[in-house]
Structure formats: C-alpha cells, structure tokens
Protein backbone atom coordinates (compact mmCIF):
# COMPACT_ATOMS: atom_id res chain seq x y z
CA UNK A 1 236.44 98.42 38.52
CA UNK A 2 232.96 99.95 38.66
CA UNK A 3 231.66 102.04 35.77
CA UNK A 4 231.55 105.81 36.18
CA UNK A 5 227.76 105.94 36.27
CA UNK A 6 227.60 103.09 38.79
CA UNK A 7 230.16 104.69 41.07
CA UNK A 8 228.37 108.05 41.09
CA UNK A 9 224.94 106.50 41.63
CA UNK A 10 226.27 104.49 44.56
CA UNK A 11 227.90 107.51 46.15
CA UNK A 12 224.89 109.78 45.86
CA UNK A 13 222.01 110.32 48.25
CA UNK A 14 218.58 111.80 47.56
CA UNK A 15 217.42 115.41 47.79
CA UNK A 16 214.00 116.94 48.19
CA UNK A 17 211.78 119.51 49.83
CA UNK A 18 210.18 119.19 53.25
CA UNK A 19 207.75 116.34 52.66
CA UNK A 20 204.49 115.54 54.46
CA UNK A 21 206.35 112.64 56.06
CA UNK A 22 209.04 115.00 57.38
CA UNK A 23 206.34 117.38 58.63
CA UNK A 24 204.77 114.49 60.51
CA UNK A 25 208.15 113.53 61.96
CA UNK A 26 208.77 117.10 63.09
CA UNK A 27 205.43 117.22 64.88
CA UNK A 28 206.35 114.05 66.72
CA UNK A 29 209.79 115.37 67.68
CA UNK A 30 208.36 118.63 68.96
CA UNK A 31 205.78 116.72 70.98
CA UNK A 32 208.56 114.65 72.57
CA UNK A 33 207.32 111.32 71.20
CA UNK A 34 209.99 108.65 71.63
CA UNK A 35 209.06 106.87 68.41
CA UNK A 36 209.73 110.05 66.45
CA UNK A 37 213.25 110.27 67.87
CA UNK A 38 213.89 106.64 67.01
CA UNK A 39 212.61 107.21 63.46
CA UNK A 40 214.85 110.25 63.00
CA UNK A 41 217.92 108.27 64.08
CA UNK A 42 216.98 105.31 61.90
CA UNK A 43 216.44 107.50 58.84
CA UNK A 44 219.40 109.86 59.08
CA UNK A 45 222.20 108.29 61.10
CA UNK A 46 223.73 106.33 58.21
CA UNK A 47 223.81 109.19 55.65
CA UNK A 48 224.95 111.69 58.29
CA UNK A 49 227.72 109.36 59.41
CA UNK A 50 228.81 108.78 55.80
CA UNK A 51 229.03 112.49 55.11
CA UNK A 52 230.77 113.32 58.40
CA UNK A 53 233.28 110.52 57.91
CA UNK A 54 234.25 111.96 54.52
CA UNK A 55 234.79 115.35 56.14
CA UNK A 56 236.80 114.27 59.20
CA UNK A 57 238.44 111.15 57.75
CA UNK A 58 238.40 109.04 60.92
CA UNK A 59 235.82 106.51 62.12
CA UNK A 60 236.10 107.21 65.85
CA UNK A 61 236.00 110.98 65.35
CA UNK A 62 233.04 110.64 62.99
CA UNK A 63 231.13 108.70 65.67
CA UNK A 64 231.73 111.49 68.19
CA UNK A 65 230.67 114.16 65.73
CA UNK A 66 227.50 112.29 64.76
CA UNK A 67 226.50 112.01 68.42
CA UNK A 68 226.90 115.78 68.79
CA UNK A 69 224.92 116.36 65.62
CA UNK A 70 221.87 114.49 66.86
CA UNK A 71 222.10 116.04 70.31
CA UNK A 72 221.96 119.47 68.66
CA UNK A 73 219.10 118.38 66.41
CA UNK A 74 217.08 117.19 69.40
CA UNK A 75 217.81 120.33 71.40
CA UNK A 76 216.99 122.78 68.62
CA UNK A 77 214.16 121.04 66.74
CA UNK A 78 211.64 123.49 68.15
CA UNK A 79 213.51 126.38 66.52
CA UNK A 80 213.67 124.81 63.04
CA UNK A 81 211.75 127.23 60.80
CA UNK A 82 211.09 124.76 57.98
CA UNK A 83 212.53 127.07 55.31
CA UNK A 84 214.58 124.17 53.98
CA UNK A 85 214.22 120.41 53.89
CA UNK A 86 214.77 118.51 57.10
CA UNK A 87 217.84 116.86 55.62
CA UNK A 88 219.33 120.21 54.60
CA UNK A 89 218.92 121.49 58.16
CA UNK A 90 220.49 118.35 59.66
CA UNK A 91 223.36 118.45 57.16
CA UNK A 92 224.06 122.10 58.00
CA UNK A 93 224.46 121.11 61.64
CA UNK A 94 226.61 118.12 60.64
CA UNK A 95 228.97 120.17 58.45
CA UNK A 96 229.38 122.79 61.17
CA UNK A 97 230.14 120.12 63.76
CA UNK A 98 232.67 118.47 61.43
CA UNK A 99 234.37 121.83 60.87
CA UNK A 100 234.41 122.52 64.60
CA UNK A 101 235.97 119.12 65.24
CA UNK A 102 238.70 119.67 62.68
CA UNK A 103 239.53 123.08 64.15
CA UNK A 104 239.71 121.58 67.65
CA UNK A 105 241.86 118.71 66.40
CA UNK A 106 244.19 121.09 64.58
CA UNK A 107 244.68 123.24 67.67
CA UNK A 108 245.27 120.34 70.04
CA UNK A 109 247.05 117.76 67.92
CA UNK A 110 248.78 119.93 65.28
CA UNK A 111 248.43 117.32 62.57
CA UNK A 112 245.92 116.07 60.01
CA UNK A 113 243.76 113.06 60.80
CA UNK A 114 244.32 109.90 58.76
CA UNK A 115 241.85 107.38 57.42
CA UNK A 116 241.80 104.27 59.59
CA UNK A 117 241.82 100.78 58.17
CA UNK A 118 238.12 99.88 58.07
CA UNK A 119 238.82 96.21 57.50
CA UNK A 120 240.81 95.69 60.70
CA UNK A 121 239.37 98.13 63.22
CA UNK A 122 235.96 98.33 64.82
CA UNK A 123 234.52 101.70 65.82
CA UNK A 124 231.82 102.52 68.32
CA UNK A 125 229.64 103.36 65.34
CA UNK A 126 229.85 99.76 64.13
CA UNK A 127 228.29 98.69 67.41
CA UNK A 128 225.53 101.29 67.66
CA UNK A 129 224.15 101.55 64.13
CA UNK A 130 222.27 99.27 61.77
CA UNK A 131 224.86 96.67 60.71
CA UNK A 132 223.57 96.63 57.14
CA UNK A 133 225.86 98.17 54.52
CA UNK A 134 225.28 101.77 53.42
CA UNK A 135 224.82 102.53 49.70
CA UNK A 136 228.40 103.78 49.59
CA UNK A 137 229.66 100.56 51.15
CA UNK A 138 227.94 98.61 48.39
CA UNK A 139 230.37 100.08 45.84
CA UNK A 140 231.43 97.58 43.17
CA UNK A 141 234.87 97.07 44.67
CA UNK A 142 236.42 97.79 48.03
CA UNK A 143 239.52 99.04 46.25
CA UNK A 144 237.60 101.70 44.31
CA UNK A 145 235.82 102.92 47.42
CA UNK A 146 239.02 103.16 49.43
CA UNK A 147 240.86 104.98 46.67
CA UNK A 148 238.12 107.61 46.40
CA UNK A 149 237.86 107.98 50.18
CA UNK A 150 241.63 108.38 50.48
CA UNK A 151 241.70 110.94 47.66
CA UNK A 152 238.88 112.94 49.27
CA UNK A 153 240.81 113.03 52.54
CA UNK A 154 243.69 114.80 50.79
CA UNK A 155 241.46 117.53 49.33
CA UNK A 156 241.24 120.84 51.20
CA UNK A 157 238.34 120.46 53.70
CA UNK A 158 236.55 123.56 52.40
CA UNK A 159 236.49 122.23 48.83
CA UNK A 160 235.92 118.65 49.99
CA UNK A 161 232.65 119.60 51.71
CA UNK A 162 231.30 121.20 48.53
CA UNK A 163 232.22 118.17 46.41
CA UNK A 164 230.75 115.70 48.91
CA UNK A 165 227.48 117.63 49.14
CA UNK A 166 227.13 118.02 45.36
CA UNK A 167 228.65 114.90 43.81
CA UNK A 168 227.97 112.34 46.53
CA UNK A 169 224.90 113.64 48.36
CA UNK A 170 223.45 115.07 45.10
CA UNK A 171 222.24 118.29 46.72
CA UNK A 172 221.31 121.30 44.63
CA UNK A 173 223.54 124.38 44.52
CA UNK A 174 220.87 126.23 46.51
CA UNK A 175 220.80 123.56 49.23
CA UNK A 176 224.59 123.57 49.47
CA UNK A 177 224.62 127.36 49.77
CA UNK A 178 222.07 127.04 52.58
CA UNK A 179 224.09 124.36 54.36
CA UNK A 180 227.45 126.12 54.03
CA UNK A 181 225.97 129.60 54.51
CA UNK A 182 227.76 131.02 51.45
CA UNK A 183 226.68 132.50 48.10
CA UNK A 184 225.84 130.43 45.03
CA UNK A 185 228.93 131.79 43.31
CA UNK A 186 231.11 130.61 46.17
CA UNK A 187 229.48 127.18 46.07
CA UNK A 188 230.17 126.79 42.35
CA UNK A 189 233.76 127.96 42.77
CA UNK A 190 234.42 125.52 45.61
CA UNK A 191 232.92 122.63 43.66
CA UNK A 192 235.08 123.37 40.61
CA UNK A 193 238.23 123.66 42.69
CA UNK A 194 237.36 120.58 44.73
CA UNK A 195 236.71 118.48 41.62
CA UNK A 196 240.02 119.54 40.13
CA UNK A 197 241.86 118.72 43.37
CA UNK A 198 240.13 115.32 43.57
CA UNK A 199 241.01 114.61 39.93
CA UNK A 200 244.67 115.33 40.64
CA UNK A 201 244.66 113.04 43.66
CA UNK A 202 242.92 110.21 41.79
CA UNK A 203 245.42 110.45 38.93
CA UNK A 204 248.03 109.21 41.39
CA UNK A 205 246.17 105.98 42.14
CA UNK A 206 243.66 105.20 39.36
CA UNK A 207 243.75 104.62 35.62
CA UNK A 208 243.81 107.97 33.75
CA UNK A 209 240.94 106.95 31.47
CA UNK A 210 238.68 106.14 34.40
CA UNK A 211 239.56 109.38 36.19
CA UNK A 212 238.80 111.40 33.05
CA UNK A 213 235.42 109.69 32.63
CA UNK A 214 234.60 110.16 36.30
CA UNK A 215 235.50 113.86 36.11
CA UNK A 216 233.35 114.31 33.01
CA UNK A 217 230.37 112.64 34.67
CA UNK A 218 230.72 114.79 37.78
CA UNK A 219 230.93 117.98 35.75
CA UNK A 220 227.62 117.19 34.04
CA UNK A 221 225.78 117.41 37.38
C-alpha cells in the first residue's frame, strides 16, 4: 500500500494565481483562435474530469458534465473578470455543473449514482481524451485508489466537494470559498466534517493505522 505522503501527493493538483501564460491563453480564447481552444482542452480536461468524477461518481455522467463545463467556459470567457486564477474560475463552473447534474439525477431517478467498474467498462471519455494516465491514476496500487474513490462517493456531496478541492486539488481556503461561493468559515467547517466522514468510511475498508496516518497528514494542510 502507498505511503500517506505518496498518496496525498498523487491525489493533489497545483494551485496558483493568474499567470502570464493564462493571460496569453485568455487573449487567444477571446480572439476566437482555434489553437487557444485546443490548448485549454489539453491543459484542463484531465483535472476537470478527475474532479467531476469524484463529485458525481460515474464515468458516463462525468463525461457529460465535463462537456457542459467546457461549453460554458467557451461561451462565457469574454465575461471572465480575472479576479481569480483561470483554474479557479473553471473549477467553479465544474462544481456547479456537477451539483446541477446530481440534483437532476435525484429528481428523475430517485437514487444515488454508483461508481462503475473502471477496469471492465469503457466510457466516452476514454475515447475522447489523452489516453495517458492522470496523476491520480498513477497511484501506487489500484486497490488503494478504488478504496478512496469508493469512500469519497459515500461522503455527503457538500462535504465531499470541500475535501476534494482542499486535499486532492490542493486549493487554498480562499480559492475554495470563491469556487463554492461560501464564507471561509463555512469552507473550514465543511472540510472538517468531510474529513471525518471520509475517515469513518475508510475505517471500514483500510487498515486503521494507515487511515489514522492519512487523516493526520490531511489535517496538516
């Protein structure tokens, strides 16, 4: 089984302010340059898909949500005020779309979605994205990754989003507050409650010592 530090480093993304490179990309998008659109998809589709999948818990649904996310990004790029990083803005759209999907699913299907077996099913996303493995998919063991994914799926979606954004995407509290459109106090409360819920779920399927070490490492962030 992977070490705690290895697992967390694999799960996490990278944060940052609006960089000169992002400013250049935005200029290209606003000018309607095809290469800029291709660059945006290449840079963000994998992390956006990974985050959305953890929020909706289903490959096919995640593909649909990601398509809607990028459609909204393309349609509203001219209105982006650059008061946050480009990734923060895209993630805010992605979280909202994931929430909207879950609400629609709940109304129409009256049941929770389940994680599909990634080893035996192929999604549309597998066909349309870079076939190379994501950082998360390079986790030390498939078993560890699946156990964490399954545990996240059982956490309340509101708390799950906060944990994913903080402990996997490594966003700051301020960025998460911006994405979720809530106060810093609410962000911290959701993270604490989400971590506790995840710890309880992992205790059912992982060694207690590893869960305790993982929880301790997460709480130091």
